[in-house]
Amino acid sequence: MFLDYSSPGHPDKPERLILIKKELERIGDYGFTETEIANVQDLLLAHDEAHVKKIKSGQFFDPDTPALENIYEVAIAAVGAAIKSSSLALGGEYAFSLTRPPGHHATRQSAGGFCYFNNIAVAAKKLSQNNTRVAILDVDVHHGNGIEDIVMGDKNIVFCSLHQAPLYPGTGLNSKENCHNFPLPALTTFQRYQYHLENGLEIINNFKPDVLGISLGFDTYKHDPLAQFSFEVGDYKKLGTTIRQINRPTFFVLEGGYSEDIGLCASEFFTPFL
């Protein structure tokens, strides 16, 4: 399903998933399971009813987030995969939602930035309804404006985002309430990034979450065509190692990453979790 849609010239290509899956199969004995489909009640935890209807009907226009045939069915499957991953994490497993479209730019009321529904935010809101404490760490190079819009003020969720600024979508310059932002300039290396990552992880540790969700983008890579960070392939192993030290039930939801080396970046990142 996640390989069955595309738009000519669009950076979010099906090959992204193929490259990641190939590399994960190379480095470890991962178990793969089918996704589950999110229902409307799940979507409404994070999105307005009008937005859900708009995506379902295809009556919207965004050149970056086009109204493709069957995109609603694919998007709710991606949300369902994020929910299932969060449930598996609470059960003691590391779980990665290897899906597209991404989600962290989708706000309560709008699609954007290749995102139709906010996969990780729906999963987090679903957990928080039961007073589960959820931390979301967004390591995509773009600010997770949609996550911030949806979880702002939720006492059971803390959100930390490290991202390039200035860059799309132009948000995330300041922190407020339970949302903590770390805007960083172009050409940021992992060495500089790690200092701010440690600060974000300290916030998360102090929150004492029951589960940690990683909004996982690989567009911090130096050859990514949509951003200007300077991560090397090997830096993703360092990133994974640093995150693993939180030692909390953890799930991962794929966001961006558009270079031909996305599979190598992913395999490095997940090596510490084997």
C-alpha atoms as a PDB file:
ATOM      1  CA  MET A   1       0.000   0.000   0.000  1.00  0.00           C
ATOM      2  CA  PHE A   2       2.725   2.495   0.978  1.00  0.00           C
ATOM      3  CA  LEU A   3       4.548   1.825  -2.285  1.00  0.00           C
ATOM      4  CA  ASP A   4       1.501   2.206  -4.491  1.00  0.00           C
ATOM      5  CA  TYR A   5       1.280   5.962  -4.817  1.00  0.00           C
ATOM      6  CA  SER A   6       3.588   8.613  -6.223  1.00  0.00           C
ATOM      7  CA  SER A   7       3.566  11.980  -7.936  1.00  0.00           C
ATOM      8  CA  PRO A   8       5.964  12.807 -10.785  1.00  0.00           C
ATOM      9  CA  GLY A   9       8.994  14.702  -9.489  1.00  0.00           C
ATOM     10  CA  HIS A  10       7.861  14.537  -5.866  1.00  0.00           C
ATOM     11  CA  PRO A  11      10.647  13.902  -3.309  1.00  0.00           C
ATOM     12  CA  ASP A  12       8.526  11.456  -1.281  1.00  0.00           C
ATOM     13  CA  LYS A  13       9.142   8.456  -3.509  1.00  0.00           C
ATOM     14  CA  PRO A  14       8.258   4.813  -2.800  1.00  0.00           C
ATOM     15  CA  GLU A  15      11.949   3.960  -3.145  1.00  0.00           C
ATOM     16  CA  ARG A  16      12.577   5.565   0.254  1.00  0.00           C
ATOM     17  CA  LEU A  17      10.888   2.643   1.987  1.00  0.00           C
ATOM     18  CA  ILE A  18      12.489   0.042  -0.260  1.00  0.00           C
ATOM     19  CA  LEU A  19      15.989   1.329   0.526  1.00  0.00           C
ATOM     20  CA  ILE A  20      15.356   1.371   4.275  1.00  0.00           C
ATOM     21  CA  LYS A  21      13.799  -2.085   4.340  1.00  0.00           C
ATOM     22  CA  LYS A  22      16.678  -3.542   2.339  1.00  0.00           C
ATOM     23  CA  GLU A  23      19.278  -2.174   4.743  1.00  0.00           C
ATOM     24  CA  LEU A  24      17.381  -3.198   7.882  1.00  0.00           C
ATOM     25  CA  GLU A  25      17.100  -6.737   6.565  1.00  0.00           C
ATOM     26  CA  ARG A  26      20.843  -6.712   5.946  1.00  0.00           C
ATOM     27  CA  ILE A  27      21.858  -5.757   9.487  1.00  0.00           C
ATOM     28  CA  GLY A  28      19.382  -7.650  11.643  1.00  0.00           C
ATOM     29  CA  ASP A  29      16.598 -10.152  12.016  1.00  0.00           C
ATOM     30  CA  TYR A  30      13.720  -7.726  12.223  1.00  0.00           C
ATOM     31  CA  GLY A  31      10.166  -8.925  12.318  1.00  0.00           C
ATOM     32  CA  PHE A  32       7.785  -7.191   9.931  1.00  0.00           C
ATOM     33  CA  THR A  33       4.067  -7.022  10.563  1.00  0.00           C
ATOM     34  CA  GLU A  34       1.132  -5.606   8.637  1.00  0.00           C
ATOM     35  CA  THR A  35      -0.260  -2.265   9.637  1.00  0.00           C
ATOM     36  CA  GLU A  36      -3.695  -1.658  11.092  1.00  0.00           C
ATOM     37  CA  ILE A  37      -6.062   0.996   9.787  1.00  0.00           C
ATOM     38  CA  ALA A  38      -6.845   4.000  11.973  1.00  0.00           C
ATOM     39  CA  ASN A  39     -10.513   4.839  12.447  1.00  0.00           C
ATOM     40  CA  VAL A  40     -12.140   8.264  12.332  1.00  0.00           C
ATOM     41  CA  GLN A  41     -12.309   8.440  16.131  1.00  0.00           C
ATOM     42  CA  ASP A  42      -8.529   8.082  16.227  1.00  0.00           C
ATOM     43  CA  LEU A  43      -8.073  10.865  13.660  1.00  0.00           C
ATOM     44  CA  LEU A  44     -10.355  13.198  15.605  1.00  0.00           C
ATOM     45  CA  LEU A  45      -8.046  13.001  18.608  1.00  0.00           C
ATOM     46  CA  ALA A  46      -5.674  15.220  16.649  1.00  0.00           C
ATOM     47  CA  HIS A  47      -7.612  16.696  13.734  1.00  0.00           C
ATOM     48  CA  ASP A  48     -10.783  18.690  13.195  1.00  0.00           C
ATOM     49  CA  GLU A  49     -13.663  16.843  11.587  1.00  0.00           C
ATOM     50  CA  ALA A  50     -13.600  19.264   8.657  1.00  0.00           C
ATOM     51  CA  HIS A  51      -9.983  18.364   7.944  1.00  0.00           C
ATOM     52  CA  VAL A  52     -10.695  14.635   7.999  1.00  0.00           C
ATOM     53  CA  LYS A  53     -13.606  15.108   5.582  1.00  0.00           C
ATOM     54  CA  LYS A  54     -11.486  17.275   3.306  1.00  0.00           C
ATOM     55  CA  ILE A  55      -8.755  14.643   2.961  1.00  0.00           C
ATOM     56  CA  LYS A  56     -11.306  11.871   2.495  1.00  0.00           C
ATOM     57  CA  SER A  57     -13.120  13.751  -0.255  1.00  0.00           C
ATOM     58  CA  GLY A  58      -9.959  14.908  -1.997  1.00  0.00           C
ATOM     59  CA  GLN A  59     -11.321  18.451  -2.052  1.00  0.00           C
ATOM     60  CA  PHE A  60      -8.106  20.259  -1.266  1.00  0.00           C
ATOM     61  CA  PHE A  61      -5.119  21.660  -3.146  1.00  0.00           C
ATOM     62  CA  ASP A  62      -1.501  21.767  -2.080  1.00  0.00           C
ATOM     63  CA  PRO A  63       1.268  21.282  -4.668  1.00  0.00           C
ATOM     64  CA  ASP A  64       3.531  19.649  -2.067  1.00  0.00           C
ATOM     65  CA  THR A  65       0.733  17.508  -0.628  1.00  0.00           C
ATOM     66  CA  PRO A  66      -1.418  16.612  -3.617  1.00  0.00           C
ATOM     67  CA  ALA A  67      -4.891  15.083  -3.591  1.00  0.00           C
ATOM     68  CA  LEU A  68      -3.770  11.783  -5.095  1.00  0.00           C
ATOM     69  CA  GLU A  69      -6.089   8.873  -5.786  1.00  0.00           C
ATOM     70  CA  ASN A  70      -6.663   6.737  -2.662  1.00  0.00           C
ATOM     71  CA  ILE A  71      -4.409   8.963  -0.536  1.00  0.00           C
ATOM     72  CA  TYR A  72      -6.942   8.922   2.316  1.00  0.00           C
ATOM     73  CA  GLU A  73      -6.744   5.132   2.574  1.00  0.00           C
ATOM     74  CA  VAL A  74      -2.948   5.199   2.533  1.00  0.00           C
ATOM     75  CA  ALA A  75      -2.788   8.032   5.065  1.00  0.00           C
ATOM     76  CA  ILE A  76      -5.064   6.332   7.602  1.00  0.00           C
ATOM     77  CA  ALA A  77      -2.985   3.173   7.245  1.00  0.00           C
ATOM     78  CA  ALA A  78       0.115   5.218   8.116  1.00  0.00           C
ATOM     79  CA  VAL A  79      -1.657   6.578  11.183  1.00  0.00           C
ATOM     80  CA  GLY A  80      -2.678   3.049  12.142  1.00  0.00           C
ATOM     81  CA  ALA A  81       0.929   1.896  11.877  1.00  0.00           C
ATOM     82  CA  ALA A  82       2.052   4.647  14.245  1.00  0.00           C
ATOM     83  CA  ILE A  83      -0.637   3.663  16.744  1.00  0.00           C
ATOM     84  CA  LYS A  84       0.367   0.015  16.521  1.00  0.00           C
ATOM     85  CA  SER A  85       4.044   0.910  16.975  1.00  0.00           C
ATOM     86  CA  SER A  86       3.252   2.873  20.124  1.00  0.00           C
ATOM     87  CA  SER A  87       1.275  -0.080  21.486  1.00  0.00           C
ATOM     88  CA  LEU A  88       4.137  -2.492  20.747  1.00  0.00           C
ATOM     89  CA  ALA A  89       6.547  -0.146  22.523  1.00  0.00           C
ATOM     90  CA  LEU A  90       4.424  -0.156  25.659  1.00  0.00           C
ATOM     91  CA  GLY A  91       4.603  -3.936  25.461  1.00  0.00           C
ATOM     92  CA  GLY A  92       8.381  -3.807  25.692  1.00  0.00           C
ATOM     93  CA  GLU A  93       9.445  -3.890  22.028  1.00  0.00           C
ATOM     94  CA  TYR A  94      11.211  -1.329  19.882  1.00  0.00           C
ATOM     95  CA  ALA A  95       8.829  -0.663  17.009  1.00  0.00           C
ATOM     96  CA  PHE A  96       9.396   1.300  13.799  1.00  0.00           C
ATOM     97  CA  SER A  97       6.559   2.530  11.619  1.00  0.00           C
ATOM     98  CA  LEU A  98       8.128   2.215   8.162  1.00  0.00           C
ATOM     99  CA  THR A  99       5.434   4.044   6.238  1.00  0.00           C
ATOM    100  CA  ARG A 100       4.643   7.011   4.064  1.00  0.00           C
ATOM    101  CA  PRO A 101       3.228   9.631   3.847  1.00  0.00           C
ATOM    102  CA  PRO A 102       5.002  11.364   6.733  1.00  0.00           C
ATOM    103  CA  GLY A 103       2.963  13.289   9.252  1.00  0.00           C
ATOM    104  CA  HIS A 104       4.666  15.875  11.438  1.00  0.00           C
ATOM    105  CA  HIS A 105       3.626  18.921   9.361  1.00  0.00           C
ATOM    106  CA  ALA A 106      -0.102  18.093   9.411  1.00  0.00           C
ATOM    107  CA  THR A 107      -1.876  20.422  11.849  1.00  0.00           C
ATOM    108  CA  ARG A 108      -5.329  20.094  13.353  1.00  0.00           C
ATOM    109  CA  GLN A 109      -6.842  21.842  10.371  1.00  0.00           C
ATOM    110  CA  SER A 110      -4.505  21.443   7.425  1.00  0.00           C
ATOM    111  CA  ALA A 111      -2.271  19.174   5.388  1.00  0.00           C
ATOM    112  CA  GLY A 112       1.134  20.352   4.242  1.00  0.00           C
ATOM    113  CA  GLY A 113       4.763  19.458   3.745  1.00  0.00           C
ATOM    114  CA  PHE A 114       3.883  16.032   2.225  1.00  0.00           C
ATOM    115  CA  CYS A 115       1.775  15.240   5.355  1.00  0.00           C
ATOM    116  CA  TYR A 116      -1.975  14.523   5.408  1.00  0.00           C
ATOM    117  CA  PHE A 117      -2.575  13.299   8.969  1.00  0.00           C
ATOM    118  CA  ASN A 118      -0.172  13.576  11.872  1.00  0.00           C
ATOM    119  CA  ASN A 119       0.802   9.953  12.462  1.00  0.00           C
ATOM    120  CA  ILE A 120       2.830  10.308  15.642  1.00  0.00           C
ATOM    121  CA  ALA A 121       0.600  12.986  17.165  1.00  0.00           C
ATOM    122  CA  VAL A 122      -2.488  10.787  16.785  1.00  0.00           C
ATOM    123  CA  ALA A 123      -0.633   7.905  18.444  1.00  0.00           C
ATOM    124  CA  ALA A 124       0.506  10.162  21.284  1.00  0.00           C
ATOM    125  CA  LYS A 125      -2.942  11.659  21.844  1.00  0.00           C
ATOM    126  CA  LYS A 126      -4.478   8.189  21.894  1.00  0.00           C
ATOM    127  CA  LEU A 127      -2.050   7.155  24.640  1.00  0.00           C
ATOM    128  CA  SER A 128      -2.511  10.378  26.584  1.00  0.00           C
ATOM    129  CA  GLN A 129      -6.268   9.786  26.806  1.00  0.00           C
ATOM    130  CA  ASN A 130      -5.435   6.992  29.261  1.00  0.00           C
ATOM    131  CA  ASN A 131      -3.057   9.244  31.229  1.00  0.00           C
ATOM    132  CA  THR A 132      -0.029   7.600  29.665  1.00  0.00           C
ATOM    133  CA  ARG A 133       2.845  10.086  29.716  1.00  0.00           C
ATOM    134  CA  VAL A 134       4.318  10.459  26.229  1.00  0.00           C
ATOM    135  CA  ALA A 135       7.465  12.240  25.086  1.00  0.00           C
ATOM    136  CA  ILE A 136       7.932  13.029  21.402  1.00  0.00           C
ATOM    137  CA  LEU A 137      11.419  13.793  20.107  1.00  0.00           C
ATOM    138  CA  ASP A 138      11.453  15.149  16.551  1.00  0.00           C
ATOM    139  CA  VAL A 139      14.852  14.705  14.879  1.00  0.00           C
ATOM    140  CA  ASP A 140      13.684  15.509  11.347  1.00  0.00           C
ATOM    141  CA  VAL A 141      15.537  18.525   9.929  1.00  0.00           C
ATOM    142  CA  HIS A 142      12.240  20.423   9.591  1.00  0.00           C
ATOM    143  CA  HIS A 143      10.263  21.676  12.574  1.00  0.00           C
ATOM    144  CA  GLY A 144       7.319  19.484  13.521  1.00  0.00           C
ATOM    145  CA  ASN A 145       4.848  22.345  13.434  1.00  0.00           C
ATOM    146  CA  GLY A 146       1.884  20.009  13.199  1.00  0.00           C
ATOM    147  CA  ILE A 147       2.894  18.051  16.283  1.00  0.00           C
ATOM    148  CA  GLU A 148       3.312  21.285  18.213  1.00  0.00           C
ATOM    149  CA  ASP A 149      -0.090  22.537  17.079  1.00  0.00           C
ATOM    150  CA  ILE A 150      -1.788  19.331  18.192  1.00  0.00           C
ATOM    151  CA  VAL A 151      -0.074  18.584  21.528  1.00  0.00           C
ATOM    152  CA  MET A 152       0.392  22.120  22.860  1.00  0.00           C
ATOM    153  CA  GLY A 153      -0.952  22.267  26.408  1.00  0.00           C
ATOM    154  CA  ASP A 154      -1.466  18.515  26.856  1.00  0.00           C
ATOM    155  CA  LYS A 155      -0.160  17.794  30.349  1.00  0.00           C
ATOM    156  CA  ASN A 156       0.546  14.163  29.438  1.00  0.00           C
ATOM    157  CA  ILE A 157       2.774  14.989  26.449  1.00  0.00           C
ATOM    158  CA  VAL A 158       6.107  16.763  26.119  1.00  0.00           C
ATOM    159  CA  PHE A 159       7.480  17.649  22.681  1.00  0.00           C
ATOM    160  CA  CYS A 160      11.082  18.451  21.753  1.00  0.00           C
ATOM    161  CA  SER A 161      12.176  19.369  18.220  1.00  0.00           C
ATOM    162  CA  LEU A 162      15.668  19.959  16.831  1.00  0.00           C
ATOM    163  CA  HIS A 163      15.542  21.506  13.380  1.00  0.00           C
ATOM    164  CA  GLN A 164      17.146  23.811  10.856  1.00  0.00           C
ATOM    165  CA  ALA A 165      16.084  27.452  10.904  1.00  0.00           C
ATOM    166  CA  PRO A 166      15.394  29.273   8.727  1.00  0.00           C
ATOM    167  CA  LEU A 167      13.769  26.505   6.706  1.00  0.00           C
ATOM    168  CA  TYR A 168      10.271  25.246   5.897  1.00  0.00           C
ATOM    169  CA  PRO A 169       7.800  25.658   7.595  1.00  0.00           C
ATOM    170  CA  GLY A 170       9.334  28.701   9.301  1.00  0.00           C
ATOM    171  CA  THR A 171       8.109  27.816  12.791  1.00  0.00           C
ATOM    172  CA  GLY A 172       9.754  26.471  15.937  1.00  0.00           C
ATOM    173  CA  LEU A 173      11.843  29.502  16.802  1.00  0.00           C
ATOM    174  CA  ASN A 174      10.680  29.658  20.419  1.00  0.00           C
ATOM    175  CA  SER A 175       9.554  27.263  23.141  1.00  0.00           C
ATOM    176  CA  LYS A 176       6.200  27.433  24.898  1.00  0.00           C
ATOM    177  CA  GLU A 177       4.470  25.357  27.567  1.00  0.00           C
ATOM    178  CA  ASN A 178       5.158  21.648  26.887  1.00  0.00           C
ATOM    179  CA  CYS A 179       6.785  22.274  23.484  1.00  0.00           C
ATOM    180  CA  HIS A 180      10.551  22.805  23.449  1.00  0.00           C
ATOM    181  CA  ASN A 181      12.297  23.940  20.277  1.00  0.00           C
ATOM    182  CA  PHE A 182      15.959  23.932  19.347  1.00  0.00           C
ATOM    183  CA  PRO A 183      16.399  25.868  16.066  1.00  0.00           C
ATOM    184  CA  LEU A 184      19.865  25.387  14.523  1.00  0.00           C
ATOM    185  CA  PRO A 185      21.561  26.989  11.514  1.00  0.00           C
ATOM    186  CA  ALA A 186      22.448  25.478   8.158  1.00  0.00           C
ATOM    187  CA  LEU A 187      25.618  23.358   8.082  1.00  0.00           C
ATOM    188  CA  THR A 188      25.069  22.144  11.632  1.00  0.00           C
ATOM    189  CA  THR A 189      27.300  19.143  12.316  1.00  0.00           C
ATOM    190  CA  PHE A 190      26.355  16.274  14.578  1.00  0.00           C
ATOM    191  CA  GLN A 191      28.920  17.439  17.127  1.00  0.00           C
ATOM    192  CA  ARG A 192      27.079  20.731  17.513  1.00  0.00           C
ATOM    193  CA  TYR A 193      23.690  19.042  17.270  1.00  0.00           C
ATOM    194  CA  GLN A 194      24.473  16.582  20.071  1.00  0.00           C
ATOM    195  CA  TYR A 195      24.879  19.356  22.634  1.00  0.00           C
ATOM    196  CA  HIS A 196      21.309  20.500  22.019  1.00  0.00           C
ATOM    197  CA  LEU A 197      20.086  16.915  21.768  1.00  0.00           C
ATOM    198  CA  GLU A 198      21.386  16.246  25.269  1.00  0.00           C
ATOM    199  CA  ASN A 199      19.455  19.284  26.511  1.00  0.00           C
ATOM    200  CA  GLY A 200      16.285  17.997  24.893  1.00  0.00           C
ATOM    201  CA  LEU A 201      16.779  14.531  26.345  1.00  0.00           C
ATOM    202  CA  GLU A 202      17.261  16.053  29.800  1.00  0.00           C
ATOM    203  CA  ILE A 203      13.844  17.699  29.448  1.00  0.00           C
ATOM    204  CA  ILE A 204      12.393  14.342  28.428  1.00  0.00           C
ATOM    205  CA  ASN A 205      14.081  12.523  31.306  1.00  0.00           C
ATOM    206  CA  ASN A 206      12.733  15.035  33.805  1.00  0.00           C
ATOM    207  CA  PHE A 207       9.229  14.501  32.398  1.00  0.00           C
ATOM    208  CA  LYS A 208       9.528  10.768  33.174  1.00  0.00           C
ATOM    209  CA  PRO A 209       7.521   9.511  30.183  1.00  0.00           C
ATOM    210  CA  ASP A 210       5.973   6.070  30.047  1.00  0.00           C
ATOM    211  CA  VAL A 211       6.848   5.897  26.358  1.00  0.00           C
ATOM    212  CA  LEU A 212       9.076   7.830  23.964  1.00  0.00           C
ATOM    213  CA  GLY A 213       8.082   8.461  20.353  1.00  0.00           C
ATOM    214  CA  ILE A 214      10.731   9.452  17.819  1.00  0.00           C
ATOM    215  CA  SER A 215       9.621  11.512  14.845  1.00  0.00           C
ATOM    216  CA  LEU A 216      12.420  10.122  12.700  1.00  0.00           C
ATOM    217  CA  GLY A 217      13.707  12.006   9.708  1.00  0.00           C
ATOM    218  CA  PHE A 218      16.943  11.333   7.852  1.00  0.00           C
ATOM    219  CA  ASP A 219      17.007  14.689   6.069  1.00  0.00           C
ATOM    220  CA  THR A 220      19.711  15.943   8.441  1.00  0.00           C
ATOM    221  CA  TYR A 221      22.091  14.050   6.125  1.00  0.00           C
ATOM    222  CA  LYS A 222      24.640  16.208   4.275  1.00  0.00           C
ATOM    223  CA  HIS A 223      23.433  15.134   0.818  1.00  0.00           C
ATOM    224  CA  ASP A 224      19.715  15.545   1.440  1.00  0.00           C
ATOM    225  CA  PRO A 225      18.274  17.695  -1.355  1.00  0.00           C
ATOM    226  CA  LEU A 226      15.772  19.573   0.845  1.00  0.00           C
ATOM    227  CA  ALA A 227      17.957  20.841   3.690  1.00  0.00           C
ATOM    228  CA  GLN A 228      21.487  21.889   4.629  1.00  0.00           C
ATOM    229  CA  PHE A 229      22.630  20.036   7.760  1.00  0.00           C
ATOM    230  CA  SER A 230      25.985  18.227   7.679  1.00  0.00           C
ATOM    231  CA  PHE A 231      25.429  14.776   9.203  1.00  0.00           C
ATOM    232  CA  GLU A 232      27.628  11.942   7.963  1.00  0.00           C
ATOM    233  CA  VAL A 233      26.203   8.423   7.578  1.00  0.00           C
ATOM    234  CA  GLY A 234      28.091   7.279  10.690  1.00  0.00           C
ATOM    235  CA  ASP A 235      26.564  10.056  12.778  1.00  0.00           C
ATOM    236  CA  TYR A 236      23.229   8.240  12.765  1.00  0.00           C
ATOM    237  CA  LYS A 237      24.700   5.471  14.896  1.00  0.00           C
ATOM    238  CA  LYS A 238      25.759   8.142  17.396  1.00  0.00           C
ATOM    239  CA  LEU A 239      22.259   9.601  17.260  1.00  0.00           C
ATOM    240  CA  GLY A 240      20.676   6.208  17.933  1.00  0.00           C
ATOM    241  CA  THR A 241      23.114   5.462  20.751  1.00  0.00           C
ATOM    242  CA  THR A 242      22.359   8.776  22.436  1.00  0.00           C
ATOM    243  CA  ILE A 243      18.593   8.280  22.210  1.00  0.00           C
ATOM    244  CA  ARG A 244      18.812   4.688  23.450  1.00  0.00           C
ATOM    245  CA  GLN A 245      20.361   5.925  26.687  1.00  0.00           C
ATOM    246  CA  ILE A 246      16.957   7.301  27.676  1.00  0.00           C
ATOM    247  CA  ASN A 247      16.068   3.653  28.349  1.00  0.00           C
ATOM    248  CA  ARG A 248      12.310   4.071  27.946  1.00  0.00           C
ATOM    249  CA  PRO A 249       9.845   2.090  25.844  1.00  0.00           C
ATOM    250  CA  THR A 250      10.417   3.634  22.421  1.00  0.00           C
ATOM    251  CA  PHE A 251       8.718   3.686  19.041  1.00  0.00           C
ATOM    252  CA  PHE A 252       9.792   5.353  15.819  1.00  0.00           C
ATOM    253  CA  VAL A 253       7.720   6.917  13.047  1.00  0.00           C
ATOM    254  CA  LEU A 254       9.327   7.726   9.700  1.00  0.00           C
ATOM    255  CA  GLU A 255       9.173  11.343   8.588  1.00  0.00           C
ATOM    256  CA  GLY A 256      11.546  12.811   5.977  1.00  0.00           C
ATOM    257  CA  GLY A 257      14.812  11.875   4.321  1.00  0.00           C
ATOM    258  CA  TYR A 258      15.136  12.073   0.553  1.00  0.00           C
ATOM    259  CA  SER A 259      18.689  11.116  -0.399  1.00  0.00           C
ATOM    260  CA  GLU A 260      19.759   7.878  -2.048  1.00  0.00           C
ATOM    261  CA  ASP A 261      21.622   6.989   1.158  1.00  0.00           C
ATOM    262  CA  ILE A 262      18.522   6.935   3.366  1.00  0.00           C
ATOM    263  CA  GLY A 263      18.821   3.173   3.828  1.00  0.00           C
ATOM    264  CA  LEU A 264      22.402   3.438   5.060  1.00  0.00           C
ATOM    265  CA  CYS A 265      21.469   6.242   7.444  1.00  0.00           C
ATOM    266  CA  ALA A 266      18.598   4.154   8.818  1.00  0.00           C
ATOM    267  CA  SER A 267      20.692   1.025   9.325  1.00  0.00           C
ATOM    268  CA  GLU A 268      23.296   3.032  11.231  1.00  0.00           C
ATOM    269  CA  PHE A 269      20.607   4.618  13.392  1.00  0.00           C
ATOM    270  CA  PHE A 270      18.967   1.336  14.359  1.00  0.00           C
ATOM    271  CA  THR A 271      22.158  -0.629  15.032  1.00  0.00           C
ATOM    272  CA  PRO A 272      22.224   0.405  18.739  1.00  0.00           C
ATOM    273  CA  PHE A 273      18.681  -0.931  19.149  1.00  0.00           C
ATOM    274  CA  LEU A 274      19.490  -4.468  17.984  1.00  0.00           C
END
